[in-house]
Amino acid sequence: MPPALPWDRFLPPARRALAAQFLRFGVVGTIGFLVDTGVLYAALASGADLYAGRALSYVVAATGNWALNRSWTFREAGRPTGRGALGRQWALFLAVNLVGFAVNYGTYALMVANLPVAAAHPVLAVAAGSLAGMGGNFLLSRRFVFKA
């Protein structure tokens, strides 16, 4: 039997599964944050501005997050079948996560526009935006994209 997790004593079994899923979602989000930041800095080094670079980095990170969430976080969810099903699920993931993106990018844009430290070190604004959009992205992805 695997060792008990800290929440095992406090949560009923159905909530434990949800907590474990949210934890996996957070790990994927952390990886996405690293990808997001890396692509942003590469775009900035290539001459992109703070806003266009972030739009590009978000799409790249969101695509990676979709793949990881599909294969790990929501692996028990039903898989769409048929021609083009994978592409439709990816597009639905991006569409559903536009809510989280709006919160994420809005937080980022407000920070880089108003806080000199965030403009000088955009990783701070990327982190704040990622955290701000995470909860909504989890709930919407779970309900509409992966139907777990």
N, C-alpha and C. Protein backbone atom coordinates (compact mmCIF):
# COMPACT_ATOMS: atom_id res chain seq x y z
N MET A 1 0.84 -1.18 0.00
CA MET A 1 0.00 0.00 0.00
C MET A 1 0.89 1.24 0.00
N PRO A 2 0.59 2.25 -0.86
CA PRO A 2 1.43 3.46 -0.91
C PRO A 2 1.29 4.27 0.38
N PRO A 3 2.31 5.06 0.69
CA PRO A 3 2.24 5.87 1.90
C PRO A 3 1.09 6.87 1.82
N ALA A 4 0.53 7.19 2.96
CA ALA A 4 -0.58 8.14 3.02
C ALA A 4 -0.09 9.55 2.67
N LEU A 5 -0.91 10.26 1.95
CA LEU A 5 -0.62 11.65 1.64
C LEU A 5 -1.15 12.52 2.78
N PRO A 6 -0.63 13.73 2.95
CA PRO A 6 -1.03 14.57 4.08
C PRO A 6 -2.53 14.80 4.18
N TRP A 7 -3.23 14.88 3.04
CA TRP A 7 -4.66 15.18 3.11
C TRP A 7 -5.52 13.94 3.34
N ASP A 8 -4.91 12.73 3.38
CA ASP A 8 -5.68 11.51 3.55
C ASP A 8 -6.48 11.48 4.84
N ARG A 9 -5.98 12.11 5.89
CA ARG A 9 -6.68 12.11 7.18
C ARG A 9 -7.84 13.08 7.21
N PHE A 10 -7.83 14.07 6.33
CA PHE A 10 -8.81 15.14 6.42
C PHE A 10 -9.86 15.15 5.32
N LEU A 11 -9.60 14.46 4.22
CA LEU A 11 -10.51 14.50 3.08
C LEU A 11 -11.16 13.14 2.84
N PRO A 12 -12.44 13.14 2.47
CA PRO A 12 -13.07 11.88 2.07
C PRO A 12 -12.46 11.40 0.75
N PRO A 13 -12.61 10.12 0.44
CA PRO A 13 -11.96 9.57 -0.76
C PRO A 13 -12.23 10.34 -2.05
N ALA A 14 -13.45 10.77 -2.28
CA ALA A 14 -13.74 11.51 -3.53
C ALA A 14 -12.96 12.82 -3.59
N ARG A 15 -12.81 13.47 -2.48
CA ARG A 15 -12.07 14.74 -2.45
C ARG A 15 -10.56 14.49 -2.55
N ARG A 16 -10.10 13.35 -2.07
CA ARG A 16 -8.68 13.02 -2.20
C ARG A 16 -8.30 12.92 -3.67
N ALA A 17 -9.16 12.26 -4.44
CA ALA A 17 -8.88 12.12 -5.88
C ALA A 17 -8.84 13.49 -6.55
N LEU A 18 -9.76 14.35 -6.17
CA LEU A 18 -9.79 15.70 -6.74
C LEU A 18 -8.54 16.48 -6.32
N ALA A 19 -8.14 16.36 -5.06
CA ALA A 19 -6.94 17.05 -4.58
C ALA A 19 -5.69 16.55 -5.30
N ALA A 20 -5.61 15.24 -5.51
CA ALA A 20 -4.46 14.68 -6.22
C ALA A 20 -4.45 15.17 -7.68
N GLN A 21 -5.63 15.24 -8.28
CA GLN A 21 -5.72 15.74 -9.65
C GLN A 21 -5.30 17.21 -9.72
N PHE A 22 -5.75 18.01 -8.76
CA PHE A 22 -5.37 19.42 -8.73
C PHE A 22 -3.86 19.57 -8.51
N LEU A 23 -3.27 18.71 -7.69
CA LEU A 23 -1.82 18.73 -7.48
C LEU A 23 -1.09 18.42 -8.78
N ARG A 24 -1.55 17.41 -9.52
CA ARG A 24 -0.94 17.10 -10.83
C ARG A 24 -1.09 18.28 -11.78
N PHE A 25 -2.27 18.91 -11.76
CA PHE A 25 -2.51 20.09 -12.59
C PHE A 25 -1.51 21.20 -12.24
N GLY A 26 -1.24 21.35 -10.95
CA GLY A 26 -0.26 22.34 -10.50
C GLY A 26 1.16 22.03 -10.96
N VAL A 27 1.52 20.75 -10.95
CA VAL A 27 2.85 20.35 -11.43
C VAL A 27 2.96 20.66 -12.92
N VAL A 28 1.92 20.31 -13.67
CA VAL A 28 1.91 20.62 -15.11
C VAL A 28 1.99 22.13 -15.31
N GLY A 29 1.26 22.87 -14.49
CA GLY A 29 1.29 24.32 -14.58
C GLY A 29 2.67 24.88 -14.30
N THR A 30 3.38 24.27 -13.37
CA THR A 30 4.75 24.70 -13.07
C THR A 30 5.66 24.47 -14.27
N ILE A 31 5.52 23.33 -14.91
CA ILE A 31 6.28 23.06 -16.13
C ILE A 31 5.90 24.08 -17.20
N GLY A 32 4.61 24.34 -17.31
CA GLY A 32 4.13 25.33 -18.27
C GLY A 32 4.69 26.71 -17.99
N PHE A 33 4.79 27.05 -16.72
CA PHE A 33 5.38 28.33 -16.32
C PHE A 33 6.82 28.42 -16.80
N LEU A 34 7.59 27.35 -16.65
CA LEU A 34 8.99 27.35 -17.08
C LEU A 34 9.08 27.49 -18.60
N VAL A 35 8.21 26.78 -19.33
CA VAL A 35 8.18 26.89 -20.79
C VAL A 35 7.77 28.30 -21.19
N ASP A 36 6.71 28.81 -20.56
CA ASP A 36 6.20 30.16 -20.83
C ASP A 36 7.32 31.19 -20.67
N THR A 37 8.01 31.11 -19.55
CA THR A 37 9.08 32.07 -19.27
C THR A 37 10.24 31.92 -20.25
N GLY A 38 10.64 30.68 -20.53
CA GLY A 38 11.73 30.45 -21.47
C GLY A 38 11.43 30.97 -22.86
N VAL A 39 10.23 30.70 -23.35
CA VAL A 39 9.85 31.18 -24.68
C VAL A 39 9.75 32.70 -24.69
N LEU A 40 9.20 33.28 -23.61
CA LEU A 40 9.12 34.74 -23.53
C LEU A 40 10.50 35.37 -23.62
N TYR A 41 11.44 34.88 -22.83
CA TYR A 41 12.79 35.46 -22.85
C TYR A 41 13.47 35.24 -24.21
N ALA A 42 13.21 34.10 -24.85
CA ALA A 42 13.77 33.87 -26.18
C ALA A 42 13.15 34.85 -27.19
N ALA A 43 11.84 35.09 -27.08
CA ALA A 43 11.18 36.04 -27.97
C ALA A 43 11.71 37.45 -27.75
N LEU A 44 11.91 37.82 -26.48
CA LEU A 44 12.45 39.15 -26.17
C LEU A 44 13.86 39.30 -26.75
N ALA A 45 14.66 38.25 -26.64
CA ALA A 45 16.02 38.28 -27.17
C ALA A 45 16.02 38.38 -28.70
N SER A 46 14.93 37.92 -29.33
CA SER A 46 14.80 37.98 -30.79
C SER A 46 14.17 39.28 -31.27
N GLY A 47 13.87 40.18 -30.33
CA GLY A 47 13.35 41.48 -30.71
C GLY A 47 11.86 41.69 -30.50
N ALA A 48 11.14 40.71 -30.01
CA ALA A 48 9.71 40.89 -29.74
C ALA A 48 9.54 41.83 -28.56
N ASP A 49 8.39 42.50 -28.49
CA ASP A 49 8.12 43.33 -27.31
C ASP A 49 7.51 42.47 -26.21
N LEU A 50 7.32 43.06 -25.05
CA LEU A 50 6.83 42.33 -23.89
C LEU A 50 5.45 41.71 -24.12
N TYR A 51 4.62 42.32 -24.93
CA TYR A 51 3.26 41.85 -25.12
C TYR A 51 3.15 40.78 -26.19
N ALA A 52 3.75 41.00 -27.35
CA ALA A 52 3.72 39.98 -28.41
C ALA A 52 4.49 38.74 -27.98
N GLY A 53 5.62 38.95 -27.30
CA GLY A 53 6.40 37.82 -26.80
C GLY A 53 5.61 36.97 -25.84
N ARG A 54 4.82 37.63 -25.01
CA ARG A 54 4.02 36.88 -24.04
C ARG A 54 2.88 36.14 -24.71
N ALA A 55 2.26 36.71 -25.72
CA ALA A 55 1.19 36.02 -26.43
C ALA A 55 1.74 34.72 -27.05
N LEU A 56 2.91 34.81 -27.68
CA LEU A 56 3.55 33.63 -28.26
C LEU A 56 3.89 32.61 -27.18
N SER A 57 4.51 33.06 -26.10
CA SER A 57 4.94 32.13 -25.06
C SER A 57 3.74 31.44 -24.41
N TYR A 58 2.63 32.14 -24.29
CA TYR A 58 1.43 31.54 -23.69
C TYR A 58 0.90 30.41 -24.57
N VAL A 59 0.83 30.62 -25.88
CA VAL A 59 0.30 29.58 -26.77
C VAL A 59 1.20 28.35 -26.74
N VAL A 60 2.51 28.55 -26.74
CA VAL A 60 3.44 27.42 -26.68
C VAL A 60 3.27 26.67 -25.36
N ALA A 61 3.23 27.40 -24.25
CA ALA A 61 3.08 26.76 -22.94
C ALA A 61 1.72 26.07 -22.81
N ALA A 62 0.66 26.71 -23.30
CA ALA A 62 -0.68 26.11 -23.21
C ALA A 62 -0.77 24.82 -24.00
N THR A 63 -0.08 24.76 -25.14
CA THR A 63 -0.07 23.54 -25.94
C THR A 63 0.62 22.42 -25.17
N GLY A 64 1.75 22.72 -24.55
CA GLY A 64 2.43 21.72 -23.73
C GLY A 64 1.59 21.30 -22.54
N ASN A 65 0.92 22.25 -21.92
CA ASN A 65 0.06 21.93 -20.78
C ASN A 65 -1.09 21.03 -21.19
N TRP A 66 -1.66 21.29 -22.36
CA TRP A 66 -2.75 20.44 -22.85
C TRP A 66 -2.25 18.99 -22.99
N ALA A 67 -1.09 18.82 -23.60
CA ALA A 67 -0.56 17.47 -23.82
C ALA A 67 -0.27 16.76 -22.50
N LEU A 68 0.34 17.46 -21.55
CA LEU A 68 0.65 16.84 -20.26
C LEU A 68 -0.61 16.58 -19.44
N ASN A 69 -1.53 17.51 -19.45
CA ASN A 69 -2.78 17.29 -18.72
C ASN A 69 -3.57 16.14 -19.31
N ARG A 70 -3.55 16.02 -20.61
CA ARG A 70 -4.27 14.93 -21.28
C ARG A 70 -3.67 13.58 -20.91
N SER A 71 -2.34 13.51 -20.88
CA SER A 71 -1.70 12.21 -20.65
C SER A 71 -1.48 11.89 -19.17
N TRP A 72 -1.51 12.89 -18.28
CA TRP A 72 -1.20 12.62 -16.88
C TRP A 72 -2.30 13.09 -15.93
N THR A 73 -2.61 14.36 -15.91
CA THR A 73 -3.56 14.89 -14.95
C THR A 73 -4.93 14.27 -15.11
N PHE A 74 -5.41 14.22 -16.35
CA PHE A 74 -6.76 13.71 -16.63
C PHE A 74 -6.70 12.41 -17.42
N ARG A 75 -5.73 11.58 -17.13
CA ARG A 75 -5.52 10.36 -17.92
C ARG A 75 -6.72 9.41 -17.83
N GLU A 76 -7.50 9.48 -16.74
CA GLU A 76 -8.64 8.58 -16.60
C GLU A 76 -9.88 9.09 -17.34
N ALA A 77 -9.82 10.30 -17.86
CA ALA A 77 -10.95 10.86 -18.60
C ALA A 77 -11.09 10.17 -19.95
N GLY A 78 -12.29 10.18 -20.47
CA GLY A 78 -12.52 9.60 -21.78
C GLY A 78 -11.72 10.33 -22.86
N ARG A 79 -11.32 9.60 -23.84
CA ARG A 79 -10.55 10.17 -24.95
C ARG A 79 -11.47 10.38 -26.14
N PRO A 80 -11.42 11.55 -26.74
CA PRO A 80 -12.24 11.75 -27.94
C PRO A 80 -11.71 10.87 -29.06
N THR A 81 -12.61 10.41 -29.90
CA THR A 81 -12.21 9.55 -31.01
C THR A 81 -12.70 10.14 -32.32
N GLY A 82 -12.19 9.61 -33.38
CA GLY A 82 -12.60 10.06 -34.70
C GLY A 82 -11.56 10.98 -35.31
N ARG A 83 -11.76 11.19 -36.59
CA ARG A 83 -10.83 12.02 -37.35
C ARG A 83 -10.85 13.45 -36.81
N GLY A 84 -9.70 13.98 -36.52
CA GLY A 84 -9.58 15.36 -36.04
C GLY A 84 -9.92 15.55 -34.58
N ALA A 85 -10.18 14.46 -33.84
CA ALA A 85 -10.60 14.58 -32.44
C ALA A 85 -9.50 15.22 -31.58
N LEU A 86 -8.27 14.86 -31.81
CA LEU A 86 -7.17 15.41 -31.03
C LEU A 86 -7.05 16.92 -31.25
N GLY A 87 -7.13 17.34 -32.48
CA GLY A 87 -7.07 18.76 -32.80
C GLY A 87 -8.25 19.52 -32.21
N ARG A 88 -9.44 18.92 -32.23
CA ARG A 88 -10.61 19.57 -31.63
C ARG A 88 -10.45 19.70 -30.12
N GLN A 89 -9.89 18.67 -29.48
CA GLN A 89 -9.69 18.76 -28.03
C GLN A 89 -8.67 19.84 -27.69
N TRP A 90 -7.60 19.92 -28.47
CA TRP A 90 -6.59 20.97 -28.25
C TRP A 90 -7.23 22.35 -28.41
N ALA A 91 -8.01 22.53 -29.47
CA ALA A 91 -8.66 23.82 -29.71
C ALA A 91 -9.66 24.13 -28.60
N LEU A 92 -10.40 23.13 -28.14
CA LEU A 92 -11.34 23.34 -27.03
C LEU A 92 -10.59 23.71 -25.76
N PHE A 93 -9.45 23.07 -25.51
CA PHE A 93 -8.63 23.40 -24.34
C PHE A 93 -8.20 24.86 -24.40
N LEU A 94 -7.71 25.30 -25.56
CA LEU A 94 -7.30 26.70 -25.70
C LEU A 94 -8.49 27.64 -25.55
N ALA A 95 -9.63 27.27 -26.13
CA ALA A 95 -10.82 28.13 -26.05
C ALA A 95 -11.33 28.24 -24.62
N VAL A 96 -11.44 27.11 -23.95
CA VAL A 96 -11.93 27.10 -22.57
C VAL A 96 -10.98 27.88 -21.66
N ASN A 97 -9.70 27.75 -21.94
CA ASN A 97 -8.71 28.41 -21.10
C ASN A 97 -8.52 29.89 -21.44
N LEU A 98 -9.31 30.40 -22.39
CA LEU A 98 -9.28 31.84 -22.66
C LEU A 98 -9.70 32.64 -21.42
N VAL A 99 -10.57 32.05 -20.60
CA VAL A 99 -10.96 32.72 -19.35
C VAL A 99 -9.73 32.86 -18.46
N GLY A 100 -9.02 31.75 -18.26
CA GLY A 100 -7.79 31.81 -17.47
C GLY A 100 -6.74 32.68 -18.13
N PHE A 101 -6.69 32.63 -19.47
CA PHE A 101 -5.73 33.46 -20.20
C PHE A 101 -6.02 34.94 -19.95
N ALA A 102 -7.30 35.32 -19.98
CA ALA A 102 -7.65 36.72 -19.76
C ALA A 102 -7.18 37.18 -18.38
N VAL A 103 -7.39 36.35 -17.38
CA VAL A 103 -6.94 36.68 -16.03
C VAL A 103 -5.42 36.68 -15.99
N ASN A 104 -4.81 35.65 -16.57
CA ASN A 104 -3.36 35.49 -16.60
C ASN A 104 -2.70 36.68 -17.31
N TYR A 105 -3.13 36.93 -18.55
CA TYR A 105 -2.51 37.99 -19.34
C TYR A 105 -2.83 39.37 -18.76
N GLY A 106 -4.05 39.53 -18.24
CA GLY A 106 -4.42 40.81 -17.62
C GLY A 106 -3.53 41.14 -16.44
N THR A 107 -3.29 40.14 -15.61
CA THR A 107 -2.40 40.33 -14.46
C THR A 107 -0.99 40.69 -14.94
N TYR A 108 -0.50 39.94 -15.94
CA TYR A 108 0.82 40.18 -16.51
C TYR A 108 0.91 41.61 -17.06
N ALA A 109 -0.07 42.00 -17.89
CA ALA A 109 -0.02 43.32 -18.53
C ALA A 109 -0.09 44.45 -17.51
N LEU A 110 -0.95 44.30 -16.51
CA LEU A 110 -1.03 45.32 -15.46
C LEU A 110 0.30 45.47 -14.72
N MET A 111 0.93 44.33 -14.46
CA MET A 111 2.19 44.38 -13.72
C MET A 111 3.31 44.99 -14.53
N VAL A 112 3.47 44.57 -15.80
CA VAL A 112 4.59 45.11 -16.58
C VAL A 112 4.37 46.58 -16.92
N ALA A 113 3.11 47.00 -16.99
CA ALA A 113 2.81 48.41 -17.31
C ALA A 113 2.97 49.33 -16.10
N ASN A 114 2.78 48.78 -14.90
CA ASN A 114 2.72 49.63 -13.71
C ASN A 114 3.82 49.40 -12.68
N LEU A 115 4.52 48.31 -12.80
CA LEU A 115 5.58 48.01 -11.84
C LEU A 115 6.92 47.90 -12.57
N PRO A 116 7.80 48.86 -12.39
CA PRO A 116 9.09 48.80 -13.08
C PRO A 116 9.85 47.49 -12.84
N VAL A 117 9.73 46.94 -11.64
CA VAL A 117 10.44 45.70 -11.36
C VAL A 117 9.89 44.56 -12.22
N ALA A 118 8.57 44.56 -12.50
CA ALA A 118 7.98 43.53 -13.34
C ALA A 118 8.38 43.72 -14.81
N ALA A 119 8.49 44.97 -15.25
CA ALA A 119 8.94 45.23 -16.63
C ALA A 119 10.40 44.83 -16.79
N ALA A 120 11.20 45.04 -15.77
CA ALA A 120 12.62 44.68 -15.83
C ALA A 120 12.82 43.17 -15.68
N HIS A 121 11.93 42.52 -14.94
CA HIS A 121 12.01 41.08 -14.68
C HIS A 121 10.64 40.46 -14.96
N PRO A 122 10.28 40.27 -16.24
CA PRO A 122 8.93 39.80 -16.58
C PRO A 122 8.56 38.45 -15.97
N VAL A 123 9.54 37.67 -15.54
CA VAL A 123 9.24 36.39 -14.91
C VAL A 123 8.32 36.58 -13.70
N LEU A 124 8.45 37.70 -13.01
CA LEU A 124 7.58 37.97 -11.86
C LEU A 124 6.13 38.12 -12.29
N ALA A 125 5.91 38.82 -13.39
CA ALA A 125 4.56 39.02 -13.89
C ALA A 125 4.00 37.73 -14.50
N VAL A 126 4.85 36.94 -15.14
CA VAL A 126 4.41 35.65 -15.67
C VAL A 126 3.95 34.75 -14.53
N ALA A 127 4.72 34.71 -13.44
CA ALA A 127 4.35 33.89 -12.28
C ALA A 127 3.03 34.34 -11.68
N ALA A 128 2.88 35.63 -11.48
CA ALA A 128 1.64 36.15 -10.90
C ALA A 128 0.45 35.84 -11.81
N GLY A 129 0.62 36.01 -13.11
CA GLY A 129 -0.45 35.70 -14.05
C GLY A 129 -0.81 34.22 -14.06
N SER A 130 0.19 33.37 -13.99
CA SER A 130 -0.04 31.93 -13.98
C SER A 130 -0.85 31.51 -12.76
N LEU A 131 -0.48 32.02 -11.62
CA LEU A 131 -1.21 31.69 -10.39
C LEU A 131 -2.64 32.23 -10.44
N ALA A 132 -2.79 33.44 -10.97
CA ALA A 132 -4.12 34.05 -11.02
C ALA A 132 -5.08 33.26 -11.90
N GLY A 133 -4.60 32.66 -12.98
CA GLY A 133 -5.47 31.93 -13.90
C GLY A 133 -5.63 30.45 -13.61
N MET A 134 -4.86 29.90 -12.68
CA MET A 134 -4.80 28.46 -12.48
C MET A 134 -6.12 27.82 -12.04
N GLY A 135 -6.78 28.37 -11.06
CA GLY A 135 -8.00 27.76 -10.54
C GLY A 135 -9.09 27.66 -11.59
N GLY A 136 -9.33 28.75 -12.30
CA GLY A 136 -10.34 28.73 -13.35
C GLY A 136 -9.99 27.76 -14.46
N ASN A 137 -8.72 27.72 -14.83
CA ASN A 137 -8.29 26.78 -15.88
C ASN A 137 -8.53 25.33 -15.46
N PHE A 138 -8.25 25.01 -14.21
CA PHE A 138 -8.46 23.65 -13.72
C PHE A 138 -9.93 23.27 -13.79
N LEU A 139 -10.78 24.12 -13.23
CA LEU A 139 -12.21 23.80 -13.20
C LEU A 139 -12.81 23.70 -14.59
N LEU A 140 -12.47 24.63 -15.46
CA LEU A 140 -13.02 24.62 -16.81
C LEU A 140 -12.48 23.45 -17.64
N SER A 141 -11.19 23.15 -17.49
CA SER A 141 -10.60 22.02 -18.21
C SER A 141 -11.23 20.72 -17.77
N ARG A 142 -11.40 20.57 -16.49
CA ARG A 142 -11.97 19.35 -15.91
C ARG A 142 -13.41 19.15 -16.38
N ARG A 143 -14.15 20.22 -16.41
CA ARG A 143 -15.59 20.14 -16.74
C ARG A 143 -15.86 20.01 -18.24
N PHE A 144 -15.14 20.78 -19.06
CA PHE A 144 -15.49 20.86 -20.47
C PHE A 144 -14.54 20.16 -21.43
N VAL A 145 -13.27 20.06 -21.07
CA VAL A 145 -12.29 19.50 -22.02
C VAL A 145 -12.05 18.02 -21.74
N PHE A 146 -11.73 17.70 -20.51
CA PHE A 146 -11.36 16.31 -20.18
C PHE A 146 -12.48 15.54 -19.51
N LYS A 147 -13.52 16.22 -19.08
CA LYS A 147 -14.74 15.63 -18.51
C LYS A 147 -14.44 14.53 -17.51
N ALA A 148 -13.57 14.89 -16.56
CA ALA A 148 -13.17 13.93 -15.51
C ALA A 148 -14.22 13.87 -14.41
